[in-house]
């Protein structure tokens, strides 16, 4: 389970996606909420958390 936990952290923890251009950025959630982080590509500051794919 350690490998799965490490992979989960690498892929989903502290990763946000720009709502304008869909660029992924790794950042502290507190800084995202405060609006201190800007997108490298489009210079926007509206992000969402990266979503996991639904599995059945």
PDB file of N, CA and C in Angstrom:
ATOM      1  N   UNK A   1       0.808  -1.203   0.000  1.00  0.00           N
ATOM      2  CA  UNK A   1       0.000   0.000   0.000  1.00  0.00           C
ATOM      3  C   UNK A   1       0.850   1.266   0.000  1.00  0.00           C
ATOM      4  N   UNK A   2       2.098   1.154   0.364  1.00  0.00           N
ATOM      5  CA  UNK A   2       2.948   2.338   0.421  1.00  0.00           C
ATOM      6  C   UNK A   2       3.146   2.925  -0.971  1.00  0.00           C
ATOM      7  N   UNK A   3       3.320   2.061  -1.979  1.00  0.00           N
ATOM      8  CA  UNK A   3       3.502   2.557  -3.338  1.00  0.00           C
ATOM      9  C   UNK A   3       2.255   3.284  -3.824  1.00  0.00           C
ATOM     10  N   UNK A   4       1.081   2.747  -3.515  1.00  0.00           N
ATOM     11  CA  UNK A   4      -0.157   3.388  -3.945  1.00  0.00           C
ATOM     12  C   UNK A   4      -0.348   4.733  -3.254  1.00  0.00           C
ATOM     13  N   UNK A   5       0.004   4.794  -2.000  1.00  0.00           N
ATOM     14  CA  UNK A   5      -0.138   6.050  -1.259  1.00  0.00           C
ATOM     15  C   UNK A   5       0.817   7.110  -1.807  1.00  0.00           C
ATOM     16  N   UNK A   6       2.035   6.718  -2.117  1.00  0.00           N
ATOM     17  CA  UNK A   6       3.008   7.657  -2.672  1.00  0.00           C
ATOM     18  C   UNK A   6       2.561   8.135  -4.049  1.00  0.00           C
ATOM     19  N   UNK A   7       2.024   7.237  -4.855  1.00  0.00           N
ATOM     20  CA  UNK A   7       1.538   7.617  -6.183  1.00  0.00           C
ATOM     21  C   UNK A   7       0.346   8.561  -6.070  1.00  0.00           C
ATOM     22  N   UNK A   8      -0.552   8.301  -5.134  1.00  0.00           N
ATOM     23  CA  UNK A   8      -1.710   9.169  -4.928  1.00  0.00           C
ATOM     24  C   UNK A   8      -1.262  10.582  -4.555  1.00  0.00           C
ATOM     25  N   UNK A   9      -0.301  10.670  -3.631  1.00  0.00           N
ATOM     26  CA  UNK A   9       0.192  11.993  -3.227  1.00  0.00           C
ATOM     27  C   UNK A   9       0.829  12.723  -4.392  1.00  0.00           C
ATOM     28  N   UNK A  10       1.616  12.015  -5.196  1.00  0.00           N
ATOM     29  CA  UNK A  10       2.301  12.640  -6.319  1.00  0.00           C
ATOM     30  C   UNK A  10       1.324  13.134  -7.373  1.00  0.00           C
ATOM     31  N   UNK A  11       0.243  12.391  -7.600  1.00  0.00           N
ATOM     32  CA  UNK A  11      -0.685  12.717  -8.685  1.00  0.00           C
ATOM     33  C   UNK A  11      -1.798  13.693  -8.300  1.00  0.00           C
ATOM     34  N   UNK A  12      -2.220  13.698  -7.028  1.00  0.00           N
ATOM     35  CA  UNK A  12      -3.419  14.460  -6.683  1.00  0.00           C
ATOM     36  C   UNK A  12      -3.275  15.470  -5.544  1.00  0.00           C
ATOM     37  N   UNK A  13      -2.310  15.303  -4.661  1.00  0.00           N
ATOM     38  CA  UNK A  13      -2.210  16.187  -3.498  1.00  0.00           C
ATOM     39  C   UNK A  13      -1.507  17.481  -3.899  1.00  0.00           C
ATOM     40  N   UNK A  14      -2.111  18.606  -3.579  1.00  0.00           N
ATOM     41  CA  UNK A  14      -1.576  19.949  -3.847  1.00  0.00           C
ATOM     42  C   UNK A  14      -1.409  20.239  -5.334  1.00  0.00           C
ATOM     43  N   UNK A  15      -2.201  19.603  -6.191  1.00  0.00           N
ATOM     44  CA  UNK A  15      -2.160  19.898  -7.618  1.00  0.00           C
ATOM     45  C   UNK A  15      -3.474  20.568  -7.994  1.00  0.00           C
ATOM     46  N   UNK A  16      -3.352  21.700  -8.676  1.00  0.00           N
ATOM     47  CA  UNK A  16      -4.504  22.480  -9.087  1.00  0.00           C
ATOM     48  C   UNK A  16      -4.457  22.704 -10.591  1.00  0.00           C
ATOM     49  N   UNK A  17      -5.637  22.906 -11.181  1.00  0.00           N
ATOM     50  CA  UNK A  17      -5.767  23.084 -12.621  1.00  0.00           C
ATOM     51  C   UNK A  17      -6.381  24.451 -12.883  1.00  0.00           C
ATOM     52  N   UNK A  18      -5.769  25.198 -13.793  1.00  0.00           N
ATOM     53  CA  UNK A  18      -6.291  26.510 -14.165  1.00  0.00           C
ATOM     54  C   UNK A  18      -7.633  26.328 -14.868  1.00  0.00           C
ATOM     55  N   UNK A  19      -8.606  27.123 -14.498  1.00  0.00           N
ATOM     56  CA  UNK A  19      -9.934  27.003 -15.109  1.00  0.00           C
ATOM     57  C   UNK A  19      -9.993  27.603 -16.504  1.00  0.00           C
ATOM     58  N   UNK A  20      -9.049  28.448 -16.856  1.00  0.00           N
ATOM     59  CA  UNK A  20      -9.050  29.057 -18.189  1.00  0.00           C
ATOM     60  C   UNK A  20      -8.326  28.206 -19.218  1.00  0.00           C
ATOM     61  N   UNK A  21      -7.109  27.734 -18.876  1.00  0.00           N
ATOM     62  CA  UNK A  21      -6.281  27.053 -19.885  1.00  0.00           C
ATOM     63  C   UNK A  21      -5.940  25.611 -19.520  1.00  0.00           C
ATOM     64  N   UNK A  22      -6.435  25.096 -18.390  1.00  0.00           N
ATOM     65  CA  UNK A  22      -6.237  23.710 -17.956  1.00  0.00           C
ATOM     66  C   UNK A  22      -4.783  23.333 -17.691  1.00  0.00           C
ATOM     67  N   UNK A  23      -3.961  24.291 -17.321  1.00  0.00           N
ATOM     68  CA  UNK A  23      -2.577  24.004 -16.961  1.00  0.00           C
ATOM     69  C   UNK A  23      -2.522  23.522 -15.519  1.00  0.00           C
ATOM     70  N   UNK A  24      -1.720  22.475 -15.260  1.00  0.00           N
ATOM     71  CA  UNK A  24      -1.572  21.944 -13.910  1.00  0.00           C
ATOM     72  C   UNK A  24      -0.451  22.680 -13.183  1.00  0.00           C
ATOM     73  N   UNK A  25      -0.705  23.001 -11.903  1.00  0.00           N
ATOM     74  CA  UNK A  25       0.271  23.689 -11.069  1.00  0.00           C
ATOM     75  C   UNK A  25       0.261  23.045  -9.694  1.00  0.00           C
ATOM     76  N   UNK A  26       1.449  22.771  -9.153  1.00  0.00           N
ATOM     77  CA  UNK A  26       1.563  22.265  -7.790  1.00  0.00           C
ATOM     78  C   UNK A  26       1.805  23.455  -6.873  1.00  0.00           C
ATOM     79  N   UNK A  27       0.911  23.645  -5.887  1.00  0.00           N
ATOM     80  CA  UNK A  27       1.033  24.789  -4.995  1.00  0.00           C
ATOM     81  C   UNK A  27       0.349  24.490  -3.667  1.00  0.00           C
ATOM     82  N   UNK A  28       0.654  25.303  -2.695  1.00  0.00           N
ATOM     83  CA  UNK A  28       0.051  25.204  -1.381  1.00  0.00           C
ATOM     84  C   UNK A  28      -1.417  25.649  -1.476  1.00  0.00           C
ATOM     85  N   UNK A  29      -2.368  24.856  -0.959  1.00  0.00           N
ATOM     86  CA  UNK A  29      -3.790  25.225  -1.040  1.00  0.00           C
ATOM     87  C   UNK A  29      -4.117  26.569  -0.387  1.00  0.00           C
ATOM     88  N   UNK A  30      -3.404  26.930   0.649  1.00  0.00           N
ATOM     89  CA  UNK A  30      -3.655  28.208   1.310  1.00  0.00           C
ATOM     90  C   UNK A  30      -3.338  29.374   0.370  1.00  0.00           C
ATOM     91  N   UNK A  31      -2.231  29.266  -0.368  1.00  0.00           N
ATOM     92  CA  UNK A  31      -1.866  30.333  -1.305  1.00  0.00           C
ATOM     93  C   UNK A  31      -2.851  30.401  -2.469  1.00  0.00           C
ATOM     94  N   UNK A  32      -3.377  29.250  -2.892  1.00  0.00           N
ATOM     95  CA  UNK A  32      -4.390  29.235  -3.956  1.00  0.00           C
ATOM     96  C   UNK A  32      -5.641  29.963  -3.479  1.00  0.00           C
ATOM     97  N   UNK A  33      -6.076  29.673  -2.251  1.00  0.00           N
ATOM     98  CA  UNK A  33      -7.283  30.299  -1.703  1.00  0.00           C
ATOM     99  C   UNK A  33      -7.115  31.806  -1.533  1.00  0.00           C
ATOM    100  N   UNK A  34      -5.917  32.231  -1.190  1.00  0.00           N
ATOM    101  CA  UNK A  34      -5.663  33.665  -1.006  1.00  0.00           C
ATOM    102  C   UNK A  34      -5.478  34.392  -2.329  1.00  0.00           C
ATOM    103  N   UNK A  35      -5.322  33.666  -3.427  1.00  0.00           N
ATOM    104  CA  UNK A  35      -5.168  34.277  -4.734  1.00  0.00           C
ATOM    105  C   UNK A  35      -3.755  34.748  -5.036  1.00  0.00           C
ATOM    106  N   UNK A  36      -2.768  34.200  -4.326  1.00  0.00           N
ATOM    107  CA  UNK A  36      -1.383  34.624  -4.511  1.00  0.00           C
ATOM    108  C   UNK A  36      -0.698  33.919  -5.686  1.00  0.00           C
ATOM    109  N   UNK A  37      -1.262  32.817  -6.148  1.00  0.00           N
ATOM    110  CA  UNK A  37      -0.655  32.034  -7.222  1.00  0.00           C
ATOM    111  C   UNK A  37      -1.296  32.430  -8.552  1.00  0.00           C
ATOM    112  N   UNK A  38      -0.460  32.621  -9.577  1.00  0.00           N
ATOM    113  CA  UNK A  38      -0.958  32.919 -10.918  1.00  0.00           C
ATOM    114  C   UNK A  38      -0.521  31.823 -11.871  1.00  0.00           C
ATOM    115  N   UNK A  39      -1.324  31.595 -12.881  1.00  0.00           N
ATOM    116  CA  UNK A  39      -1.017  30.600 -13.899  1.00  0.00           C
ATOM    117  C   UNK A  39       0.187  31.057 -14.712  1.00  0.00           C
ATOM    118  N   UNK A  40       1.083  30.113 -15.006  1.00  0.00           N
ATOM    119  CA  UNK A  40       2.274  30.441 -15.797  1.00  0.00           C
ATOM    120  C   UNK A  40       1.920  30.762 -17.240  1.00  0.00           C
ATOM    121  N   UNK A  41       0.859  30.141 -17.716  1.00  0.00           N
ATOM    122  CA  UNK A  41       0.528  30.235 -19.140  1.00  0.00           C
ATOM    123  C   UNK A  41      -0.357  31.443 -19.457  1.00  0.00           C
ATOM    124  N   UNK A  42      -1.467  31.606 -18.728  1.00  0.00           N
ATOM    125  CA  UNK A  42      -2.437  32.654 -19.065  1.00  0.00           C
ATOM    126  C   UNK A  42      -2.493  33.788 -18.041  1.00  0.00           C
ATOM    127  N   UNK A  43      -1.720  33.673 -16.963  1.00  0.00           N
ATOM    128  CA  UNK A  43      -1.654  34.688 -15.896  1.00  0.00           C
ATOM    129  C   UNK A  43      -2.951  34.840 -15.115  1.00  0.00           C
ATOM    130  N   UNK A  44      -3.857  33.860 -15.219  1.00  0.00           N
ATOM    131  CA  UNK A  44      -5.092  33.892 -14.441  1.00  0.00           C
ATOM    132  C   UNK A  44      -4.840  33.398 -13.032  1.00  0.00           C
ATOM    133  N   UNK A  45      -5.782  33.612 -12.132  1.00  0.00           N
ATOM    134  CA  UNK A  45      -5.618  33.125 -10.763  1.00  0.00           C
ATOM    135  C   UNK A  45      -6.848  32.384 -10.257  1.00  0.00           C
ATOM    136  N   UNK A  46      -7.567  31.731 -11.153  1.00  0.00           N
ATOM    137  CA  UNK A  46      -8.728  30.929 -10.782  1.00  0.00           C
ATOM    138  C   UNK A  46      -8.376  29.469 -11.033  1.00  0.00           C
ATOM    139  N   UNK A  47      -8.365  28.672  -9.952  1.00  0.00           N
ATOM    140  CA  UNK A  47      -7.951  27.279 -10.035  1.00  0.00           C
ATOM    141  C   UNK A  47      -8.997  26.370  -9.427  1.00  0.00           C
ATOM    142  N   UNK A  48      -8.903  25.088  -9.766  1.00  0.00           N
ATOM    143  CA  UNK A  48      -9.711  24.044  -9.137  1.00  0.00           C
ATOM    144  C   UNK A  48      -8.772  22.902  -8.789  1.00  0.00           C
ATOM    145  N   UNK A  49      -9.179  22.044  -7.881  1.00  0.00           N
ATOM    146  CA  UNK A  49      -8.380  20.876  -7.525  1.00  0.00           C
ATOM    147  C   UNK A  49      -8.442  19.862  -8.668  1.00  0.00           C
ATOM    148  N   UNK A  50      -7.382  19.093  -8.836  1.00  0.00           N
ATOM    149  CA  UNK A  50      -7.365  18.068  -9.869  1.00  0.00           C
ATOM    150  C   UNK A  50      -8.331  16.955  -9.484  1.00  0.00           C
ATOM    151  N   UNK A  51      -9.141  16.509 -10.444  1.00  0.00           N
ATOM    152  CA  UNK A  51     -10.140  15.487 -10.197  1.00  0.00           C
ATOM    153  C   UNK A  51      -9.602  14.109 -10.500  1.00  0.00           C
ATOM    154  N   UNK A  52     -10.073  13.133  -9.728  1.00  0.00           N
ATOM    155  CA  UNK A  52      -9.715  11.745  -9.997  1.00  0.00           C
ATOM    156  C   UNK A  52     -10.729  11.160 -10.968  1.00  0.00           C
ATOM    157  N   UNK A  53     -10.292  10.222 -11.780  1.00  0.00           N
ATOM    158  CA  UNK A  53     -11.205   9.546 -12.692  1.00  0.00           C
ATOM    159  C   UNK A  53     -12.087   8.579 -11.905  1.00  0.00           C
ATOM    160  N   UNK A  54     -13.353   8.516 -12.263  1.00  0.00           N
ATOM    161  CA  UNK A  54     -14.280   7.611 -11.602  1.00  0.00           C
ATOM    162  C   UNK A  54     -14.043   6.186 -12.086  1.00  0.00           C
ATOM    163  N   UNK A  55     -13.974   5.245 -11.181  1.00  0.00           N
ATOM    164  CA  UNK A  55     -13.787   3.838 -11.541  1.00  0.00           C
ATOM    165  C   UNK A  55     -14.923   3.026 -10.961  1.00  0.00           C
ATOM    166  N   UNK A  56     -15.276   1.977 -11.675  1.00  0.00           N
ATOM    167  CA  UNK A  56     -16.353   1.108 -11.186  1.00  0.00           C
ATOM    168  C   UNK A  56     -15.818  -0.215 -10.750  1.00  0.00           C
TER     169      UNK A  56
END
